[in-house]
Amino acid sequence: MTDTNLNIHKGGLRTLGKAKSDSFEFSLITIITVVFNGEEHIEDTIKSVLKQSWPNVEYIIVDGGSTDRTLDIIKYYEQQIDYWVSESDNGIYDAMNKAILLSSGEFISLVNADDFLMDDALSEALSVVSLKTDVLLTNGNFQTLTGDYTYESNIDKLKYTMSVFHPGMIVRKRVYEKVGLYRTDLKIASDYDWILRAHNMNIQWQHANVIYSTMREGGISADYALGTKEMYQIQREYTPILAKILYFLRRVKAYLAIRH
């Protein structure tokens, strides 16, 4: 389906009048994938979502107007995708915000186009979530050019660094309604800002020792200089004195690395 006036392409089960909702037995979880020119890995991401054993999943894909084969791949699976839309946006966090507003699930999980869910990840995570939990934190694998390692979420270290595996967060939709959406003036570290905002509110966190997904190195998040700059900007806004101390320690560490 194409809206020629707005140059918007969309499709999926919702456009055919087939919408999903929570059931008494199984909560609806909305999986969100945002993508732009992601033909290399998007099919792996889609397949990892579609093969999950959790019986009540809503899958939404927001594409930023890809010019490669991304849309062709999405359309191939559109009879199994609840809703997809392709239109220009203001970056990854703008796309995430659009998808969150489109979601119907009690829970929301972000699985980007360079990531993929582990087998039975949803069932393992949702089977341990507490009724009081607002945000469930899990662990993840991180694939880099120099090797793989496990990223373990630790909310207690958050004021010092990004210590939460963002692709492994499962968030109740009501939390986004309380905390708000992601800032679009930040290009890499808006997830860090959002988690700090949530941490400063009366949000109930739970950590599950589950390997939820795998994140590949690459994309805009690989811009270390920009990421460091934005993290310092955020830390100055929340903890200005600590931010100055951390900035000084980073400079000393960088200096010592050069000397040796």
Protein backbone atom coordinates (compact mmCIF):
# COMPACT_ATOMS: atom_id res chain seq x y z
CA MET A 1 0.00 0.00 0.00
CA THR A 2 1.32 3.46 -0.95
CA ASP A 3 0.18 6.94 -0.02
CA THR A 4 1.39 8.81 -3.10
CA ASN A 5 0.64 12.23 -1.61
CA LEU A 6 2.94 11.70 1.36
CA ASN A 7 5.32 9.24 -0.26
CA ILE A 8 4.55 6.74 2.50
CA HIS A 9 4.59 2.98 1.95
CA LYS A 10 2.93 0.69 4.47
CA GLY A 11 1.54 -2.79 4.85
CA GLY A 12 1.15 -5.77 7.16
CA LEU A 13 -1.73 -7.55 8.90
CA ARG A 14 -3.14 -4.38 10.47
CA THR A 15 -3.82 -2.88 7.07
CA LEU A 16 -6.01 -5.94 6.42
CA GLY A 17 -8.00 -5.32 9.61
CA LYS A 18 -6.20 -8.00 11.63
CA ALA A 19 -5.14 -6.46 14.93
CA LYS A 20 -3.81 -8.21 18.05
CA SER A 21 -4.53 -7.55 21.71
CA ASP A 22 -3.70 -8.81 25.19
CA SER A 23 -5.18 -12.09 26.28
CA PHE A 24 -5.90 -13.34 29.79
CA GLU A 25 -3.20 -15.99 29.50
CA PHE A 26 -0.53 -14.29 27.39
CA SER A 27 0.36 -10.60 27.47
CA LEU A 28 0.87 -8.97 24.08
CA ILE A 29 4.46 -7.87 23.49
CA THR A 30 5.23 -5.46 20.68
CA ILE A 31 8.60 -6.01 19.01
CA ILE A 32 9.86 -2.92 17.19
CA THR A 33 12.52 -2.87 14.50
CA VAL A 34 13.72 0.42 13.05
CA VAL A 35 15.84 0.28 9.92
CA PHE A 36 17.40 2.34 7.16
CA ASN A 37 19.23 0.65 4.28
CA GLY A 38 19.65 -2.51 6.33
CA GLU A 39 19.50 -5.15 3.62
CA GLU A 40 22.56 -6.98 4.97
CA HIS A 41 20.98 -8.08 8.27
CA ILE A 42 17.26 -7.20 8.29
CA GLU A 43 16.17 -10.69 7.21
CA ASP A 44 18.05 -12.27 10.13
CA THR A 45 16.29 -9.84 12.46
CA ILE A 46 12.84 -10.59 11.04
CA LYS A 47 13.34 -14.34 11.16
CA SER A 48 14.52 -14.19 14.78
CA VAL A 49 11.28 -12.44 15.75
CA LEU A 50 8.94 -14.63 13.72
CA LYS A 51 10.28 -17.88 15.14
CA GLN A 52 9.75 -16.91 18.79
CA SER A 53 7.63 -19.37 20.79
CA TRP A 54 5.76 -16.70 22.79
CA PRO A 55 2.22 -16.97 21.35
CA ASN A 56 1.18 -13.30 21.45
CA VAL A 57 3.61 -11.06 19.54
CA GLU A 58 2.93 -7.88 17.58
CA TYR A 59 5.73 -7.02 15.16
CA ILE A 60 6.16 -3.45 13.87
CA ILE A 61 8.87 -2.30 11.48
CA VAL A 62 9.57 1.39 10.81
CA ASP A 63 11.81 2.07 7.83
CA GLY A 64 13.38 5.46 7.20
CA GLY A 65 12.91 5.39 3.42
CA SER A 66 15.51 2.80 2.43
CA THR A 67 16.90 2.86 -1.10
CA ASP A 68 18.44 -0.63 -1.06
CA ARG A 69 16.63 -4.01 -0.92
CA THR A 70 15.31 -3.51 2.62
CA LEU A 71 11.71 -2.91 1.54
CA ASP A 72 11.71 -5.92 -0.76
CA ILE A 73 12.75 -8.10 2.17
CA ILE A 74 10.10 -6.59 4.46
CA LYS A 75 7.37 -7.10 1.87
CA TYR A 76 8.37 -10.75 1.45
CA TYR A 77 7.41 -11.34 5.11
CA GLU A 78 4.54 -8.87 5.36
CA GLN A 79 1.89 -11.57 5.85
CA GLN A 80 3.64 -12.33 9.16
CA ILE A 81 4.37 -8.71 10.13
CA ASP A 82 1.63 -6.81 11.93
CA TYR A 83 2.50 -3.39 10.57
CA TRP A 84 5.31 -1.82 8.60
CA VAL A 85 5.75 1.68 7.30
CA SER A 86 8.43 3.34 5.19
CA GLU A 87 8.84 7.11 5.25
CA SER A 88 11.52 9.70 5.91
CA ASP A 89 12.31 10.43 9.54
CA ASN A 90 14.66 12.40 11.78
CA GLY A 91 16.92 9.52 12.74
CA ILE A 92 16.76 6.31 14.72
CA TYR A 93 15.09 7.72 17.83
CA ASP A 94 12.40 9.51 15.82
CA ALA A 95 11.65 6.15 14.18
CA MET A 96 11.53 4.43 17.60
CA ASN A 97 9.10 7.06 18.88
CA LYS A 98 6.79 6.55 15.89
CA ALA A 99 6.76 2.82 16.47
CA ILE A 100 6.10 3.14 20.21
CA LEU A 101 3.06 5.31 19.49
CA LEU A 102 1.85 2.68 17.01
CA SER A 103 2.26 -0.21 19.44
CA SER A 104 -0.63 -2.07 21.07
CA GLY A 105 1.29 -4.37 23.42
CA GLU A 106 1.44 -4.25 27.20
CA PHE A 107 5.20 -4.71 26.74
CA ILE A 108 7.53 -3.14 24.18
CA SER A 109 10.95 -4.39 23.07
CA LEU A 110 13.29 -2.73 20.56
CA VAL A 111 15.21 -5.08 18.27
CA ASN A 112 17.14 -3.05 15.72
CA ALA A 113 18.04 -4.13 12.20
CA ASP A 114 21.60 -5.12 13.17
CA ASP A 115 20.32 -7.25 16.08
CA PHE A 116 18.57 -10.57 16.43
CA LEU A 117 16.69 -12.30 19.24
CA MET A 118 17.98 -15.50 20.75
CA ASP A 119 15.80 -18.60 20.41
CA ASP A 120 12.87 -18.49 22.88
CA ALA A 121 14.12 -15.16 24.25
CA LEU A 122 10.63 -13.75 24.75
CA SER A 123 9.34 -16.81 26.60
CA GLU A 124 12.40 -16.93 28.86
CA ALA A 125 12.18 -13.24 29.71
CA LEU A 126 8.41 -12.87 30.09
CA SER A 127 8.10 -16.03 32.17
CA VAL A 128 10.11 -14.42 34.99
CA VAL A 129 8.80 -10.84 34.83
CA SER A 130 7.10 -9.70 38.04
CA LEU A 131 3.66 -8.11 38.08
CA LYS A 132 5.25 -5.09 39.77
CA THR A 133 8.04 -4.75 37.19
CA ASP A 134 7.99 -1.68 34.95
CA VAL A 135 11.21 -2.43 33.05
CA LEU A 136 12.80 -5.85 32.70
CA LEU A 137 16.55 -5.77 32.05
CA THR A 138 18.30 -8.69 30.40
CA ASN A 139 21.79 -9.40 29.09
CA GLY A 140 23.00 -9.68 25.53
CA ASN A 141 25.78 -10.72 23.23
CA PHE A 142 27.83 -8.08 21.45
CA GLN A 143 29.57 -9.05 18.23
CA THR A 144 32.65 -6.99 17.34
CA LEU A 145 35.39 -7.31 14.76
CA THR A 146 37.81 -8.40 17.48
CA GLY A 147 35.54 -10.97 19.12
CA ASP A 148 32.28 -11.46 21.00
CA TYR A 149 31.46 -10.72 24.61
CA THR A 150 28.46 -10.74 26.93
CA TYR A 151 26.95 -7.41 27.99
CA GLU A 152 25.45 -7.71 31.49
CA SER A 153 22.99 -5.01 32.49
CA ASN A 154 23.64 -3.31 35.84
CA ILE A 155 21.35 -0.43 36.74
CA ASP A 156 23.52 0.48 39.77
CA LYS A 157 26.35 1.72 37.52
CA LEU A 158 24.12 3.88 35.36
CA LYS A 159 25.26 7.28 36.61
CA TYR A 160 28.84 6.44 35.61
CA THR A 161 28.25 4.92 32.19
CA MET A 162 25.69 3.28 29.91
CA SER A 163 25.46 0.08 31.95
CA VAL A 164 22.18 -1.26 30.54
CA PHE A 165 21.88 -3.41 27.43
CA HIS A 166 19.28 -1.31 25.61
CA PRO A 167 18.30 -3.98 23.02
CA GLY A 168 17.59 -6.25 25.99
CA MET A 169 15.08 -3.98 27.72
CA ILE A 170 11.42 -5.00 27.90
CA VAL A 171 9.34 -1.97 28.89
CA ARG A 172 5.68 -1.76 29.83
CA LYS A 173 3.99 0.72 27.51
CA ARG A 174 2.67 2.67 30.49
CA VAL A 175 6.29 3.54 31.34
CA TYR A 176 6.78 5.34 28.01
CA GLU A 177 3.55 7.21 28.76
CA LYS A 178 4.98 8.27 32.14
CA VAL A 179 8.62 8.91 31.26
CA GLY A 180 8.07 10.16 27.71
CA LEU A 181 9.70 9.19 24.43
CA TYR A 182 13.30 9.38 23.22
CA ARG A 183 14.96 12.73 22.58
CA THR A 184 15.58 13.31 18.88
CA ASP A 185 18.29 15.94 19.35
CA LEU A 186 20.64 13.13 20.35
CA LYS A 187 21.85 10.76 17.62
CA ILE A 188 23.47 7.96 19.63
CA ALA A 189 22.90 8.31 23.38
CA SER A 190 19.19 9.10 23.64
CA ASP A 191 18.62 5.63 25.11
CA TYR A 192 21.05 6.53 27.93
CA ASP A 193 19.14 9.75 28.55
CA TRP A 194 15.80 7.89 28.61
CA ILE A 195 17.04 5.28 31.09
CA LEU A 196 18.43 7.99 33.38
CA ARG A 197 15.10 9.81 33.21
CA ALA A 198 13.25 6.63 34.09
CA HIS A 199 15.72 5.87 36.89
CA ASN A 200 14.97 9.23 38.50
CA MET A 201 11.26 8.37 38.62
CA ASN A 202 9.43 5.77 40.66
CA ILE A 203 10.13 3.01 38.15
CA GLN A 204 10.42 -0.62 39.23
CA TRP A 205 13.38 -2.41 37.65
CA GLN A 206 13.99 -6.13 37.45
CA HIS A 207 17.04 -7.92 36.09
CA ALA A 208 16.76 -11.36 34.51
CA ASN A 209 19.95 -13.33 33.95
CA VAL A 210 18.88 -14.16 30.39
CA ILE A 211 20.83 -13.72 27.14
CA TYR A 212 18.07 -11.95 25.24
CA SER A 213 19.57 -10.83 21.95
CA THR A 214 22.75 -10.28 19.97
CA MET A 215 23.88 -6.84 18.85
CA ARG A 216 26.30 -6.44 15.96
CA GLU A 217 28.96 -3.75 15.96
CA GLY A 218 28.34 -1.07 13.37
CA GLY A 219 25.92 1.65 12.36
CA ILE A 220 25.87 5.10 13.87
CA SER A 221 26.47 3.68 17.36
CA ALA A 222 30.01 2.84 16.25
CA ASP A 223 30.86 6.57 16.20
CA TYR A 224 32.79 6.53 19.48
CA ALA A 225 33.63 10.25 19.47
CA LEU A 226 30.01 11.33 19.02
CA GLY A 227 28.82 8.79 21.58
CA THR A 228 31.30 10.04 24.17
CA LYS A 229 30.34 13.66 23.49
CA GLU A 230 26.62 12.95 23.93
CA MET A 231 27.14 10.89 27.09
CA TYR A 232 29.12 13.77 28.62
CA GLN A 233 26.34 16.18 27.62
CA ILE A 234 23.75 13.97 29.31
CA GLN A 235 25.83 13.46 32.46
CA ARG A 236 26.29 17.24 32.75
CA GLU A 237 22.51 17.64 32.70
CA TYR A 238 21.87 15.02 35.42
CA THR A 239 25.03 15.02 37.57
CA PRO A 240 27.20 18.04 36.63
CA ILE A 241 29.90 17.60 39.28
CA LEU A 242 30.28 13.88 38.64
CA ALA A 243 30.33 14.58 34.89
CA LYS A 244 33.36 16.86 35.29
CA ILE A 245 35.18 14.24 37.37
CA LEU A 246 34.43 11.48 34.84
CA TYR A 247 35.52 13.72 31.97
CA PHE A 248 38.82 14.45 33.71
CA LEU A 249 39.42 10.74 34.36
CA ARG A 250 38.73 9.93 30.68
CA ARG A 251 41.28 12.54 29.60
CA VAL A 252 43.87 11.11 31.98
CA LYS A 253 43.19 7.58 30.73
CA ALA A 254 43.53 8.72 27.11
CA TYR A 255 46.77 10.55 27.90
CA LEU A 256 48.27 7.52 29.65
CA ALA A 257 47.27 5.28 26.73
CA ILE A 258 49.13 7.56 24.33
CA ARG A 259 52.21 7.69 26.58
CA HIS A 260 52.40 3.93 26.69
